[in-house]
Amino acid sequence: MTRAYRILIVLAGIMGADGVALAAASAHGADASRLAAASSVLLFHACAVLGAVALAERGIVHAKIGITAACGFVLAAGLFAGDLTLRHYAGHGLFPMAAPTGGTLLIASWLALAVSAAWPRRG
């Protein structure tokens, strides 16, 4: 297993932990729908990162594209959830269009994962 795979697994673990923490915060806070959405995105995409790494490591998908998709999941989920969380606690976002940029990058990452499965493997 390469260092990149291990780093992505560590980041997925951090995303999962943050997702659970945001779920708890949303359960105990008033008007916490943004936190619930941020939690869901982090938890869901932490699993997607683990899946993409496992598929790439086993050669089931084109490794470089699959790992690129996993990196996209990490970056995009962080942008999306970070923006929503900051809006909830600080009253402003990371930067204009941060959440939509994260969402668009999530879509692109899922499409990249699909391409990584369709791309012919080199023998």
PDB file of N, CA and C in Angstrom:
ATOM      1  N   MET A   1       0.855  -1.176   0.000  1.00  0.00           N
ATOM      2  CA  MET A   1       0.000   0.000   0.000  1.00  0.00           C
ATOM      3  C   MET A   1       0.898   1.235   0.000  1.00  0.00           C
ATOM      4  N   THR A   2       0.597   2.169  -0.873  1.00  0.00           N
ATOM      5  CA  THR A   2       1.441   3.355  -0.999  1.00  0.00           C
ATOM      6  C   THR A   2       1.117   4.385   0.082  1.00  0.00           C
ATOM      7  N   ARG A   3       2.017   5.345   0.200  1.00  0.00           N
ATOM      8  CA  ARG A   3       1.825   6.437   1.162  1.00  0.00           C
ATOM      9  C   ARG A   3       0.559   7.232   0.842  1.00  0.00           C
ATOM     10  N   ALA A   4       0.293   7.467  -0.443  1.00  0.00           N
ATOM     11  CA  ALA A   4      -0.911   8.216  -0.830  1.00  0.00           C
ATOM     12  C   ALA A   4      -2.178   7.501  -0.352  1.00  0.00           C
ATOM     13  N   TYR A   5      -2.209   6.189  -0.490  1.00  0.00           N
ATOM     14  CA  TYR A   5      -3.373   5.434  -0.027  1.00  0.00           C
ATOM     15  C   TYR A   5      -3.541   5.583   1.479  1.00  0.00           C
ATOM     16  N   ARG A   6      -2.431   5.484   2.201  1.00  0.00           N
ATOM     17  CA  ARG A   6      -2.500   5.612   3.668  1.00  0.00           C
ATOM     18  C   ARG A   6      -2.960   7.002   4.087  1.00  0.00           C
ATOM     19  N   ILE A   7      -2.459   8.013   3.408  1.00  0.00           N
ATOM     20  CA  ILE A   7      -2.876   9.391   3.724  1.00  0.00           C
ATOM     21  C   ILE A   7      -4.368   9.555   3.487  1.00  0.00           C
ATOM     22  N   LEU A   8      -4.858   9.021   2.374  1.00  0.00           N
ATOM     23  CA  LEU A   8      -6.293   9.126   2.087  1.00  0.00           C
ATOM     24  C   LEU A   8      -7.120   8.383   3.122  1.00  0.00           C
ATOM     25  N   ILE A   9      -6.647   7.242   3.596  1.00  0.00           N
ATOM     26  CA  ILE A   9      -7.372   6.503   4.633  1.00  0.00           C
ATOM     27  C   ILE A   9      -7.400   7.305   5.933  1.00  0.00           C
ATOM     28  N   VAL A  10      -6.284   7.937   6.284  1.00  0.00           N
ATOM     29  CA  VAL A  10      -6.252   8.793   7.474  1.00  0.00           C
ATOM     30  C   VAL A  10      -7.238   9.952   7.320  1.00  0.00           C
ATOM     31  N   LEU A  11      -7.235  10.588   6.157  1.00  0.00           N
ATOM     32  CA  LEU A  11      -8.159  11.703   5.922  1.00  0.00           C
ATOM     33  C   LEU A  11      -9.614  11.239   5.978  1.00  0.00           C
ATOM     34  N   ALA A  12      -9.885  10.046   5.466  1.00  0.00           N
ATOM     35  CA  ALA A  12     -11.253   9.503   5.552  1.00  0.00           C
ATOM     36  C   ALA A  12     -11.653   9.300   7.009  1.00  0.00           C
ATOM     37  N   GLY A  13     -10.719   8.815   7.832  1.00  0.00           N
ATOM     38  CA  GLY A  13     -11.007   8.660   9.257  1.00  0.00           C
ATOM     39  C   GLY A  13     -11.315   9.988   9.925  1.00  0.00           C
ATOM     40  N   ILE A  14     -10.564  11.017   9.571  1.00  0.00           N
ATOM     41  CA  ILE A  14     -10.801  12.355  10.130  1.00  0.00           C
ATOM     42  C   ILE A  14     -12.145  12.885   9.649  1.00  0.00           C
ATOM     43  N   MET A  15     -12.452  12.670   8.366  1.00  0.00           N
ATOM     44  CA  MET A  15     -13.752  13.100   7.849  1.00  0.00           C
ATOM     45  C   MET A  15     -14.888  12.403   8.593  1.00  0.00           C
ATOM     46  N   GLY A  16     -14.738  11.105   8.839  1.00  0.00           N
ATOM     47  CA  GLY A  16     -15.767  10.368   9.566  1.00  0.00           C
ATOM     48  C   GLY A  16     -15.946  10.890  10.975  1.00  0.00           C
ATOM     49  N   ALA A  17     -14.839  11.119  11.662  1.00  0.00           N
ATOM     50  CA  ALA A  17     -14.920  11.650  13.030  1.00  0.00           C
ATOM     51  C   ALA A  17     -15.580  13.027  13.041  1.00  0.00           C
ATOM     52  N   ASP A  18     -15.192  13.878  12.097  1.00  0.00           N
ATOM     53  CA  ASP A  18     -15.813  15.205  12.021  1.00  0.00           C
ATOM     54  C   ASP A  18     -17.295  15.106  11.685  1.00  0.00           C
ATOM     55  N   GLY A  19     -17.645  14.154  10.831  1.00  0.00           N
ATOM     56  CA  GLY A  19     -19.052  13.959  10.490  1.00  0.00           C
ATOM     57  C   GLY A  19     -19.885  13.554  11.686  1.00  0.00           C
ATOM     58  N   VAL A  20     -19.348  12.673  12.519  1.00  0.00           N
ATOM     59  CA  VAL A  20     -20.062  12.264  13.734  1.00  0.00           C
ATOM     60  C   VAL A  20     -20.176  13.437  14.700  1.00  0.00           C
ATOM     61  N   ALA A  21     -19.099  14.211  14.851  1.00  0.00           N
ATOM     62  CA  ALA A  21     -19.141  15.372  15.740  1.00  0.00           C
ATOM     63  C   ALA A  21     -20.187  16.388  15.274  1.00  0.00           C
ATOM     64  N   LEU A  22     -20.258  16.613  13.969  1.00  0.00           N
ATOM     65  CA  LEU A  22     -21.255  17.553  13.448  1.00  0.00           C
ATOM     66  C   LEU A  22     -22.671  16.994  13.594  1.00  0.00           C
ATOM     67  N   ALA A  23     -22.821  15.684  13.481  1.00  0.00           N
ATOM     68  CA  ALA A  23     -24.145  15.077  13.703  1.00  0.00           C
ATOM     69  C   ALA A  23     -24.585  15.308  15.142  1.00  0.00           C
ATOM     70  N   ALA A  24     -23.662  15.131  16.081  1.00  0.00           N
ATOM     71  CA  ALA A  24     -23.998  15.379  17.491  1.00  0.00           C
ATOM     72  C   ALA A  24     -24.333  16.845  17.715  1.00  0.00           C
ATOM     73  N   ALA A  25     -23.548  17.731  17.128  1.00  0.00           N
ATOM     74  CA  ALA A  25     -23.817  19.169  17.285  1.00  0.00           C
ATOM     75  C   ALA A  25     -25.167  19.535  16.683  1.00  0.00           C
ATOM     76  N   SER A  26     -25.503  18.939  15.548  1.00  0.00           N
ATOM     77  CA  SER A  26     -26.785  19.266  14.916  1.00  0.00           C
ATOM     78  C   SER A  26     -27.959  18.737  15.727  1.00  0.00           C
ATOM     79  N   ALA A  27     -27.755  17.638  16.452  1.00  0.00           N
ATOM     80  CA  ALA A  27     -28.824  17.070  17.274  1.00  0.00           C
ATOM     81  C   ALA A  27     -29.098  17.916  18.506  1.00  0.00           C
ATOM     82  N   HIS A  28     -28.124  18.694  18.931  1.00  0.00           N
ATOM     83  CA  HIS A  28     -28.271  19.471  20.164  1.00  0.00           C
ATOM     84  C   HIS A  28     -28.429  20.963  19.933  1.00  0.00           C
ATOM     85  N   GLY A  29     -28.417  21.386  18.682  1.00  0.00           N
ATOM     86  CA  GLY A  29     -28.493  22.816  18.403  1.00  0.00           C
ATOM     87  C   GLY A  29     -29.789  23.201  17.720  1.00  0.00           C
ATOM     88  N   ALA A  30     -30.167  24.433  17.936  1.00  0.00           N
ATOM     89  CA  ALA A  30     -31.342  24.969  17.258  1.00  0.00           C
ATOM     90  C   ALA A  30     -30.935  25.401  15.851  1.00  0.00           C
ATOM     91  N   ASP A  31     -31.823  25.202  14.912  1.00  0.00           N
ATOM     92  CA  ASP A  31     -31.595  25.602  13.521  1.00  0.00           C
ATOM     93  C   ASP A  31     -30.244  25.092  13.016  1.00  0.00           C
ATOM     94  N   ALA A  32     -30.044  23.804  13.154  1.00  0.00           N
ATOM     95  CA  ALA A  32     -28.753  23.204  12.814  1.00  0.00           C
ATOM     96  C   ALA A  32     -28.813  22.390  11.525  1.00  0.00           C
ATOM     97  N   SER A  33     -29.680  22.770  10.600  1.00  0.00           N
ATOM     98  CA  SER A  33     -29.803  22.002   9.361  1.00  0.00           C
ATOM     99  C   SER A  33     -28.517  22.040   8.546  1.00  0.00           C
ATOM    100  N   ARG A  34     -27.789  23.143   8.611  1.00  0.00           N
ATOM    101  CA  ARG A  34     -26.508  23.208   7.895  1.00  0.00           C
ATOM    102  C   ARG A  34     -25.514  22.197   8.460  1.00  0.00           C
ATOM    103  N   LEU A  35     -25.508  22.050   9.781  1.00  0.00           N
ATOM    104  CA  LEU A  35     -24.597  21.090  10.403  1.00  0.00           C
ATOM    105  C   LEU A  35     -24.966  19.666  10.024  1.00  0.00           C
ATOM    106  N   ALA A  36     -26.262  19.386   9.957  1.00  0.00           N
ATOM    107  CA  ALA A  36     -26.702  18.048   9.559  1.00  0.00           C
ATOM    108  C   ALA A  36     -26.282  17.754   8.129  1.00  0.00           C
ATOM    109  N   ALA A  37     -26.414  18.727   7.247  1.00  0.00           N
ATOM    110  CA  ALA A  37     -25.994  18.534   5.853  1.00  0.00           C
ATOM    111  C   ALA A  37     -24.484  18.334   5.771  1.00  0.00           C
ATOM    112  N   ALA A  38     -23.726  19.129   6.516  1.00  0.00           N
ATOM    113  CA  ALA A  38     -22.268  18.989   6.529  1.00  0.00           C
ATOM    114  C   ALA A  38     -21.869  17.617   7.062  1.00  0.00           C
ATOM    115  N   SER A  39     -22.549  17.171   8.105  1.00  0.00           N
ATOM    116  CA  SER A  39     -22.277  15.851   8.673  1.00  0.00           C
ATOM    117  C   SER A  39     -22.505  14.752   7.652  1.00  0.00           C
ATOM    118  N   SER A  40     -23.617  14.800   6.973  1.00  0.00           N
ATOM    119  CA  SER A  40     -23.945  13.773   5.979  1.00  0.00           C
ATOM    120  C   SER A  40     -22.917  13.723   4.861  1.00  0.00           C
ATOM    121  N   VAL A  41     -22.525  14.885   4.373  1.00  0.00           N
ATOM    122  CA  VAL A  41     -21.545  14.927   3.284  1.00  0.00           C
ATOM    123  C   VAL A  41     -20.220  14.322   3.744  1.00  0.00           C
ATOM    124  N   LEU A  42     -19.779  14.666   4.938  1.00  0.00           N
ATOM    125  CA  LEU A  42     -18.514  14.127   5.434  1.00  0.00           C
ATOM    126  C   LEU A  42     -18.576  12.615   5.647  1.00  0.00           C
ATOM    127  N   LEU A  43     -19.636  12.149   6.303  1.00  0.00           N
ATOM    128  CA  LEU A  43     -19.747  10.717   6.574  1.00  0.00           C
ATOM    129  C   LEU A  43     -19.856   9.903   5.285  1.00  0.00           C
ATOM    130  N   PHE A  44     -20.676  10.357   4.380  1.00  0.00           N
ATOM    131  CA  PHE A  44     -20.884   9.636   3.129  1.00  0.00           C
ATOM    132  C   PHE A  44     -19.601   9.582   2.312  1.00  0.00           C
ATOM    133  N   HIS A  45     -18.927  10.712   2.210  1.00  0.00           N
ATOM    134  CA  HIS A  45     -17.748  10.755   1.354  1.00  0.00           C
ATOM    135  C   HIS A  45     -16.495  10.179   2.023  1.00  0.00           C
ATOM    136  N   ALA A  46     -16.501  10.069   3.344  1.00  0.00           N
ATOM    137  CA  ALA A  46     -15.426   9.313   3.999  1.00  0.00           C
ATOM    138  C   ALA A  46     -15.478   7.861   3.529  1.00  0.00           C
ATOM    139  N   CYS A  47     -16.678   7.317   3.455  1.00  0.00           N
ATOM    140  CA  CYS A  47     -16.849   5.944   2.955  1.00  0.00           C
ATOM    141  C   CYS A  47     -16.470   5.855   1.474  1.00  0.00           C
ATOM    142  N   ALA A  48     -16.801   6.883   0.714  1.00  0.00           N
ATOM    143  CA  ALA A  48     -16.443   6.888  -0.709  1.00  0.00           C
ATOM    144  C   ALA A  48     -14.929   6.911  -0.898  1.00  0.00           C
ATOM    145  N   VAL A  49     -14.229   7.660  -0.067  1.00  0.00           N
ATOM    146  CA  VAL A  49     -12.766   7.691  -0.135  1.00  0.00           C
ATOM    147  C   VAL A  49     -12.209   6.297   0.131  1.00  0.00           C
ATOM    148  N   LEU A  50     -12.696   5.658   1.191  1.00  0.00           N
ATOM    149  CA  LEU A  50     -12.226   4.305   1.511  1.00  0.00           C
ATOM    150  C   LEU A  50     -12.506   3.337   0.362  1.00  0.00           C
ATOM    151  N   GLY A  51     -13.673   3.447  -0.218  1.00  0.00           N
ATOM    152  CA  GLY A  51     -14.019   2.579  -1.338  1.00  0.00           C
ATOM    153  C   GLY A  51     -13.140   2.821  -2.552  1.00  0.00           C
ATOM    154  N   ALA A  52     -12.911   4.084  -2.883  1.00  0.00           N
ATOM    155  CA  ALA A  52     -12.071   4.405  -4.042  1.00  0.00           C
ATOM    156  C   ALA A  52     -10.637   3.918  -3.836  1.00  0.00           C
ATOM    157  N   VAL A  53     -10.121   4.083  -2.621  1.00  0.00           N
ATOM    158  CA  VAL A  53      -8.771   3.602  -2.328  1.00  0.00           C
ATOM    159  C   VAL A  53      -8.713   2.080  -2.448  1.00  0.00           C
ATOM    160  N   ALA A  54      -9.697   1.391  -1.906  1.00  0.00           N
ATOM    161  CA  ALA A  54      -9.711  -0.075  -1.980  1.00  0.00           C
ATOM    162  C   ALA A  54      -9.789  -0.554  -3.427  1.00  0.00           C
ATOM    163  N   LEU A  55     -10.622   0.081  -4.223  1.00  0.00           N
ATOM    164  CA  LEU A  55     -10.748  -0.297  -5.628  1.00  0.00           C
ATOM    165  C   LEU A  55      -9.451  -0.038  -6.392  1.00  0.00           C
ATOM    166  N   ALA A  56      -8.819   1.100  -6.128  1.00  0.00           N
ATOM    167  CA  ALA A  56      -7.567   1.435  -6.809  1.00  0.00           C
ATOM    168  C   ALA A  56      -6.442   0.498  -6.378  1.00  0.00           C
ATOM    169  N   GLU A  57      -6.374   0.215  -5.091  1.00  0.00           N
ATOM    170  CA  GLU A  57      -5.311  -0.635  -4.559  1.00  0.00           C
ATOM    171  C   GLU A  57      -5.400  -2.049  -5.114  1.00  0.00           C
ATOM    172  N   ARG A  58      -6.598  -2.504  -5.371  1.00  0.00           N
ATOM    173  CA  ARG A  58      -6.797  -3.864  -5.885  1.00  0.00           C
ATOM    174  C   ARG A  58      -6.776  -3.923  -7.408  1.00  0.00           C
ATOM    175  N   GLY A  59      -6.620  -2.772  -8.050  1.00  0.00           N
ATOM    176  CA  GLY A  59      -6.554  -2.753  -9.500  1.00  0.00           C
ATOM    177  C   GLY A  59      -7.892  -2.916 -10.182  1.00  0.00           C
ATOM    178  N   ILE A  60      -8.964  -2.719  -9.461  1.00  0.00           N
ATOM    179  CA  ILE A  60     -10.301  -2.880 -10.045  1.00  0.00           C
ATOM    180  C   ILE A  60     -10.654  -1.663 -10.900  1.00  0.00           C
ATOM    181  N   VAL A  61     -10.129  -0.495 -10.520  1.00  0.00           N
ATOM    182  CA  VAL A  61     -10.308   0.722 -11.306  1.00  0.00           C
ATOM    183  C   VAL A  61      -8.930   1.234 -11.711  1.00  0.00           C
ATOM    184  N   HIS A  62      -8.896   2.114 -12.680  1.00  0.00           N
ATOM    185  CA  HIS A  62      -7.653   2.764 -13.085  1.00  0.00           C
ATOM    186  C   HIS A  62      -7.142   3.530 -11.862  1.00  0.00           C
ATOM    187  N   ALA A  63      -5.976   3.130 -11.361  1.00  0.00           N
ATOM    188  CA  ALA A  63      -5.504   3.609 -10.058  1.00  0.00           C
ATOM    189  C   ALA A  63      -5.341   5.123  -9.997  1.00  0.00           C
ATOM    190  N   LYS A  64      -4.702   5.719 -10.988  1.00  0.00           N
ATOM    191  CA  LYS A  64      -4.449   7.168 -10.930  1.00  0.00           C
ATOM    192  C   LYS A  64      -5.751   7.968 -10.952  1.00  0.00           C
ATOM    193  N   ILE A  65      -6.685   7.542 -11.779  1.00  0.00           N
ATOM    194  CA  ILE A  65      -7.968   8.262 -11.842  1.00  0.00           C
ATOM    195  C   ILE A  65      -8.777   8.009 -10.574  1.00  0.00           C
ATOM    196  N   GLY A  66      -8.759   6.777 -10.082  1.00  0.00           N
ATOM    197  CA  GLY A  66      -9.479   6.460  -8.847  1.00  0.00           C
ATOM    198  C   GLY A  66      -8.947   7.236  -7.651  1.00  0.00           C
ATOM    199  N   ILE A  67      -7.633   7.351  -7.550  1.00  0.00           N
ATOM    200  CA  ILE A  67      -7.039   8.111  -6.448  1.00  0.00           C
ATOM    201  C   ILE A  67      -7.302   9.603  -6.625  1.00  0.00           C
ATOM    202  N   THR A  68      -7.310  10.073  -7.861  1.00  0.00           N
ATOM    203  CA  THR A  68      -7.676  11.469  -8.108  1.00  0.00           C
ATOM    204  C   THR A  68      -9.107  11.728  -7.644  1.00  0.00           C
ATOM    205  N   ALA A  69     -10.003  10.787  -7.917  1.00  0.00           N
ATOM    206  CA  ALA A  69     -11.390  10.911  -7.455  1.00  0.00           C
ATOM    207  C   ALA A  69     -11.441  10.947  -5.930  1.00  0.00           C
ATOM    208  N   ALA A  70     -10.674  10.082  -5.271  1.00  0.00           N
ATOM    209  CA  ALA A  70     -10.644  10.064  -3.800  1.00  0.00           C
ATOM    210  C   ALA A  70     -10.136  11.389  -3.251  1.00  0.00           C
ATOM    211  N   CYS A  71      -9.103  11.933  -3.871  1.00  0.00           N
ATOM    212  CA  CYS A  71      -8.589  13.246  -3.442  1.00  0.00           C
ATOM    213  C   CYS A  71      -9.650  14.327  -3.648  1.00  0.00           C
ATOM    214  N   GLY A  72     -10.377  14.219  -4.751  1.00  0.00           N
ATOM    215  CA  GLY A  72     -11.470  15.161  -5.003  1.00  0.00           C
ATOM    216  C   GLY A  72     -12.549  15.064  -3.945  1.00  0.00           C
ATOM    217  N   PHE A  73     -12.881  13.832  -3.519  1.00  0.00           N
ATOM    218  CA  PHE A  73     -13.870  13.665  -2.454  1.00  0.00           C
ATOM    219  C   PHE A  73     -13.427  14.370  -1.176  1.00  0.00           C
ATOM    220  N   VAL A  74     -12.162  14.212  -0.819  1.00  0.00           N
ATOM    221  CA  VAL A  74     -11.644  14.834   0.409  1.00  0.00           C
ATOM    222  C   VAL A  74     -11.711  16.355   0.309  1.00  0.00           C
ATOM    223  N   LEU A  75     -11.165  16.901  -0.766  1.00  0.00           N
ATOM    224  CA  LEU A  75     -11.140  18.352  -0.941  1.00  0.00           C
ATOM    225  C   LEU A  75     -12.552  18.931  -1.020  1.00  0.00           C
ATOM    226  N   ALA A  76     -13.382  18.313  -1.834  1.00  0.00           N
ATOM    227  CA  ALA A  76     -14.727  18.841  -2.060  1.00  0.00           C
ATOM    228  C   ALA A  76     -15.606  18.745  -0.817  1.00  0.00           C
ATOM    229  N   ALA A  77     -15.549  17.610  -0.122  1.00  0.00           N
ATOM    230  CA  ALA A  77     -16.347  17.462   1.097  1.00  0.00           C
ATOM    231  C   ALA A  77     -15.872  18.462   2.152  1.00  0.00           C
ATOM    232  N   GLY A  78     -14.562  18.677   2.208  1.00  0.00           N
ATOM    233  CA  GLY A  78     -14.033  19.673   3.140  1.00  0.00           C
ATOM    234  C   GLY A  78     -14.517  21.076   2.823  1.00  0.00           C
ATOM    235  N   LEU A  79     -14.517  21.421   1.554  1.00  0.00           N
ATOM    236  CA  LEU A  79     -15.030  22.741   1.141  1.00  0.00           C
ATOM    237  C   LEU A  79     -16.500  22.887   1.497  1.00  0.00           C
ATOM    238  N   PHE A  80     -17.286  21.907   1.099  1.00  0.00           N
ATOM    239  CA  PHE A  80     -18.728  21.963   1.317  1.00  0.00           C
ATOM    240  C   PHE A  80     -19.051  22.015   2.810  1.00  0.00           C
ATOM    241  N   ALA A  81     -18.536  21.049   3.557  1.00  0.00           N
ATOM    242  CA  ALA A  81     -18.843  20.983   4.985  1.00  0.00           C
ATOM    243  C   ALA A  81     -18.221  22.133   5.755  1.00  0.00           C
ATOM    244  N   GLY A  82     -17.010  22.513   5.377  1.00  0.00           N
ATOM    245  CA  GLY A  82     -16.362  23.646   6.041  1.00  0.00           C
ATOM    246  C   GLY A  82     -17.141  24.933   5.869  1.00  0.00           C
ATOM    247  N   ASP A  83     -17.638  25.159   4.665  1.00  0.00           N
ATOM    248  CA  ASP A  83     -18.415  26.370   4.415  1.00  0.00           C
ATOM    249  C   ASP A  83     -19.706  26.372   5.228  1.00  0.00           C
ATOM    250  N   LEU A  84     -20.439  25.252   5.230  1.00  0.00           N
ATOM    251  CA  LEU A  84     -21.689  25.187   5.984  1.00  0.00           C
ATOM    252  C   LEU A  84     -21.450  25.327   7.486  1.00  0.00           C
ATOM    253  N   THR A  85     -20.397  24.699   7.977  1.00  0.00           N
ATOM    254  CA  THR A  85     -20.088  24.767   9.408  1.00  0.00           C
ATOM    255  C   THR A  85     -19.696  26.179   9.814  1.00  0.00           C
ATOM    256  N   LEU A  86     -18.857  26.817   9.013  1.00  0.00           N
ATOM    257  CA  LEU A  86     -18.454  28.187   9.313  1.00  0.00           C
ATOM    258  C   LEU A  86     -19.649  29.134   9.250  1.00  0.00           C
ATOM    259  N   ARG A  87     -20.536  28.925   8.297  1.00  0.00           N
ATOM    260  CA  ARG A  87     -21.748  29.755   8.219  1.00  0.00           C
ATOM    261  C   ARG A  87     -22.597  29.606   9.484  1.00  0.00           C
ATOM    262  N   HIS A  88     -22.667  28.380   9.998  1.00  0.00           N
ATOM    263  CA  HIS A  88     -23.464  28.142  11.201  1.00  0.00           C
ATOM    264  C   HIS A  88     -22.846  28.831  12.424  1.00  0.00           C
ATOM    265  N   TYR A  89     -21.548  28.652  12.614  1.00  0.00           N
ATOM    266  CA  TYR A  89     -20.903  29.149  13.834  1.00  0.00           C
ATOM    267  C   TYR A  89     -20.398  30.587  13.745  1.00  0.00           C
ATOM    268  N   ALA A  90     -19.967  31.017  12.572  1.00  0.00           N
ATOM    269  CA  ALA A  90     -19.375  32.363  12.460  1.00  0.00           C
ATOM    270  C   ALA A  90     -20.264  33.349  11.709  1.00  0.00           C
ATOM    271  N   GLY A  91     -21.281  32.836  11.026  1.00  0.00           N
ATOM    272  CA  GLY A  91     -22.175  33.726  10.301  1.00  0.00           C
ATOM    273  C   GLY A  91     -21.688  34.105   8.910  1.00  0.00           C
ATOM    274  N   HIS A  92     -20.582  33.533   8.470  1.00  0.00           N
ATOM    275  CA  HIS A  92     -20.085  33.771   7.111  1.00  0.00           C
ATOM    276  C   HIS A  92     -19.406  32.500   6.614  1.00  0.00           C
ATOM    277  N   GLY A  93     -19.269  32.393   5.301  1.00  0.00           N
ATOM    278  CA  GLY A  93     -18.672  31.196   4.715  1.00  0.00           C
ATOM    279  C   GLY A  93     -17.176  31.326   4.524  1.00  0.00           C
ATOM    280  N   LEU A  94     -16.584  30.289   3.950  1.00  0.00           N
ATOM    281  CA  LEU A  94     -15.148  30.290   3.670  1.00  0.00           C
ATOM    282  C   LEU A  94     -14.785  31.365   2.657  1.00  0.00           C
ATOM    283  N   PHE A  95     -15.495  31.371   1.546  1.00  0.00           N
ATOM    284  CA  PHE A  95     -15.341  32.359   0.485  1.00  0.00           C
ATOM    285  C   PHE A  95     -16.584  32.261  -0.379  1.00  0.00           C
ATOM    286  N   PRO A  96     -16.864  33.257  -1.212  1.00  0.00           N
ATOM    287  CA  PRO A  96     -18.074  33.179  -2.037  1.00  0.00           C
ATOM    288  C   PRO A  96     -18.069  31.923  -2.910  1.00  0.00           C
ATOM    289  N   MET A  97     -19.182  31.240  -2.921  1.00  0.00           N
ATOM    290  CA  MET A  97     -19.409  30.050  -3.729  1.00  0.00           C
ATOM    291  C   MET A  97     -18.600  28.835  -3.280  1.00  0.00           C
ATOM    292  N   ALA A  98     -18.144  28.806  -2.032  1.00  0.00           N
ATOM    293  CA  ALA A  98     -17.355  27.663  -1.555  1.00  0.00           C
ATOM    294  C   ALA A  98     -18.187  26.380  -1.545  1.00  0.00           C
ATOM    295  N   ALA A  99     -19.386  26.431  -0.979  1.00  0.00           N
ATOM    296  CA  ALA A  99     -20.225  25.219  -0.922  1.00  0.00           C
ATOM    297  C   ALA A  99     -20.622  24.747  -2.322  1.00  0.00           C
ATOM    298  N   PRO A 100     -21.072  25.633  -3.211  1.00  0.00           N
ATOM    299  CA  PRO A 100     -21.385  25.150  -4.562  1.00  0.00           C
ATOM    300  C   PRO A 100     -20.154  24.625  -5.307  1.00  0.00           C
ATOM    301  N   THR A 101     -19.004  25.219  -5.062  1.00  0.00           N
ATOM    302  CA  THR A 101     -17.772  24.718  -5.672  1.00  0.00           C
ATOM    303  C   THR A 101     -17.471  23.314  -5.160  1.00  0.00           C
ATOM    304  N   GLY A 102     -17.619  23.118  -3.854  1.00  0.00           N
ATOM    305  CA  GLY A 102     -17.427  21.789  -3.280  1.00  0.00           C
ATOM    306  C   GLY A 102     -18.409  20.791  -3.846  1.00  0.00           C
ATOM    307  N   GLY A 103     -19.659  21.188  -3.968  1.00  0.00           N
ATOM    308  CA  GLY A 103     -20.680  20.294  -4.525  1.00  0.00           C
ATOM    309  C   GLY A 103     -20.389  19.920  -5.966  1.00  0.00           C
ATOM    310  N   THR A 104     -19.971  20.888  -6.754  1.00  0.00           N
ATOM    311  CA  THR A 104     -19.628  20.627  -8.150  1.00  0.00           C
ATOM    312  C   THR A 104     -18.424  19.693  -8.241  1.00  0.00           C
ATOM    313  N   LEU A 105     -17.440  19.908  -7.377  1.00  0.00           N
ATOM    314  CA  LEU A 105     -16.269  19.035  -7.361  1.00  0.00           C
ATOM    315  C   LEU A 105     -16.631  17.622  -6.903  1.00  0.00           C
ATOM    316  N   LEU A 106     -17.606  17.492  -6.006  1.00  0.00           N
ATOM    317  CA  LEU A 106     -18.081  16.153  -5.619  1.00  0.00           C
ATOM    318  C   LEU A 106     -18.679  15.424  -6.817  1.00  0.00           C
ATOM    319  N   ILE A 107     -19.490  16.134  -7.580  1.00  0.00           N
ATOM    320  CA  ILE A 107     -20.085  15.532  -8.778  1.00  0.00           C
ATOM    321  C   ILE A 107     -18.988  15.104  -9.743  1.00  0.00           C
ATOM    322  N   ALA A 108     -18.013  15.971  -9.966  1.00  0.00           N
ATOM    323  CA  ALA A 108     -16.908  15.653 -10.871  1.00  0.00           C
ATOM    324  C   ALA A 108     -16.099  14.453 -10.360  1.00  0.00           C
ATOM    325  N   SER A 109     -15.927  14.366  -9.057  1.00  0.00           N
ATOM    326  CA  SER A 109     -15.181  13.250  -8.481  1.00  0.00           C
ATOM    327  C   SER A 109     -15.920  11.932  -8.670  1.00  0.00           C
ATOM    328  N   TRP A 110     -17.239  11.949  -8.504  1.00  0.00           N
ATOM    329  CA  TRP A 110     -18.020  10.732  -8.747  1.00  0.00           C
ATOM    330  C   TRP A 110     -17.922  10.322 -10.212  1.00  0.00           C
ATOM    331  N   LEU A 111     -17.958  11.296 -11.113  1.00  0.00           N
ATOM    332  CA  LEU A 111     -17.819  10.969 -12.533  1.00  0.00           C
ATOM    333  C   LEU A 111     -16.421  10.433 -12.837  1.00  0.00           C
ATOM    334  N   ALA A 112     -15.412  11.001 -12.184  1.00  0.00           N
ATOM    335  CA  ALA A 112     -14.045  10.492 -12.355  1.00  0.00           C
ATOM    336  C   ALA A 112     -13.945   9.045 -11.874  1.00  0.00           C
ATOM    337  N   LEU A 113     -14.599   8.730 -10.767  1.00  0.00           N
ATOM    338  CA  LEU A 113     -14.589   7.346 -10.284  1.00  0.00           C
ATOM    339  C   LEU A 113     -15.250   6.418 -11.304  1.00  0.00           C
ATOM    340  N   ALA A 114     -16.332   6.891 -11.915  1.00  0.00           N
ATOM    341  CA  ALA A 114     -16.990   6.091 -12.958  1.00  0.00           C
ATOM    342  C   ALA A 114     -16.051   5.883 -14.144  1.00  0.00           C
ATOM    343  N   VAL A 115     -15.354   6.925 -14.553  1.00  0.00           N
ATOM    344  CA  VAL A 115     -14.397   6.813 -15.658  1.00  0.00           C
ATOM    345  C   VAL A 115     -13.273   5.853 -15.292  1.00  0.00           C
ATOM    346  N   SER A 116     -12.841   5.892 -14.025  1.00  0.00           N
ATOM    347  CA  SER A 116     -11.742   5.013 -13.603  1.00  0.00           C
ATOM    348  C   SER A 116     -12.122   3.539 -13.713  1.00  0.00           C
ATOM    349  N   ALA A 117     -13.398   3.233 -13.606  1.00  0.00           N
ATOM    350  CA  ALA A 117     -13.848   1.850 -13.761  1.00  0.00           C
ATOM    351  C   ALA A 117     -13.962   1.474 -15.231  1.00  0.00           C
ATOM    352  N   ALA A 118     -14.283   2.449 -16.075  1.00  0.00           N
ATOM    353  CA  ALA A 118     -14.464   2.187 -17.502  1.00  0.00           C
ATOM    354  C   ALA A 118     -13.140   2.229 -18.266  1.00  0.00           C
ATOM    355  N   TRP A 119     -12.134   2.893 -17.729  1.00  0.00           N
ATOM    356  CA  TRP A 119     -10.840   3.046 -18.396  1.00  0.00           C
ATOM    357  C   TRP A 119     -10.147   1.698 -18.493  1.00  0.00           C
ATOM    358  N   PRO A 120      -9.635   1.363 -19.647  1.00  0.00           N
ATOM    359  CA  PRO A 120      -8.965   0.063 -19.756  1.00  0.00           C
ATOM    360  C   PRO A 120      -7.664   0.020 -18.939  1.00  0.00           C
ATOM    361  N   ARG A 121      -7.492  -1.078 -18.230  1.00  0.00           N
ATOM    362  CA  ARG A 121      -6.262  -1.255 -17.449  1.00  0.00           C
ATOM    363  C   ARG A 121      -5.145  -1.690 -18.362  1.00  0.00           C
ATOM    364  N   ARG A 122      -3.976  -1.221 -18.037  1.00  0.00           N
ATOM    365  CA  ARG A 122      -2.799  -1.648 -18.796  1.00  0.00           C
ATOM    366  C   ARG A 122      -2.249  -2.910 -18.160  1.00  0.00           C
ATOM    367  N   GLY A 123      -1.984  -3.922 -18.956  1.00  0.00           N
ATOM    368  CA  GLY A 123      -1.497  -5.191 -18.462  1.00  0.00           C
ATOM    369  C   GLY A 123      -0.084  -5.121 -18.114  1.00  0.00           C
TER     370      GLY A 123
END
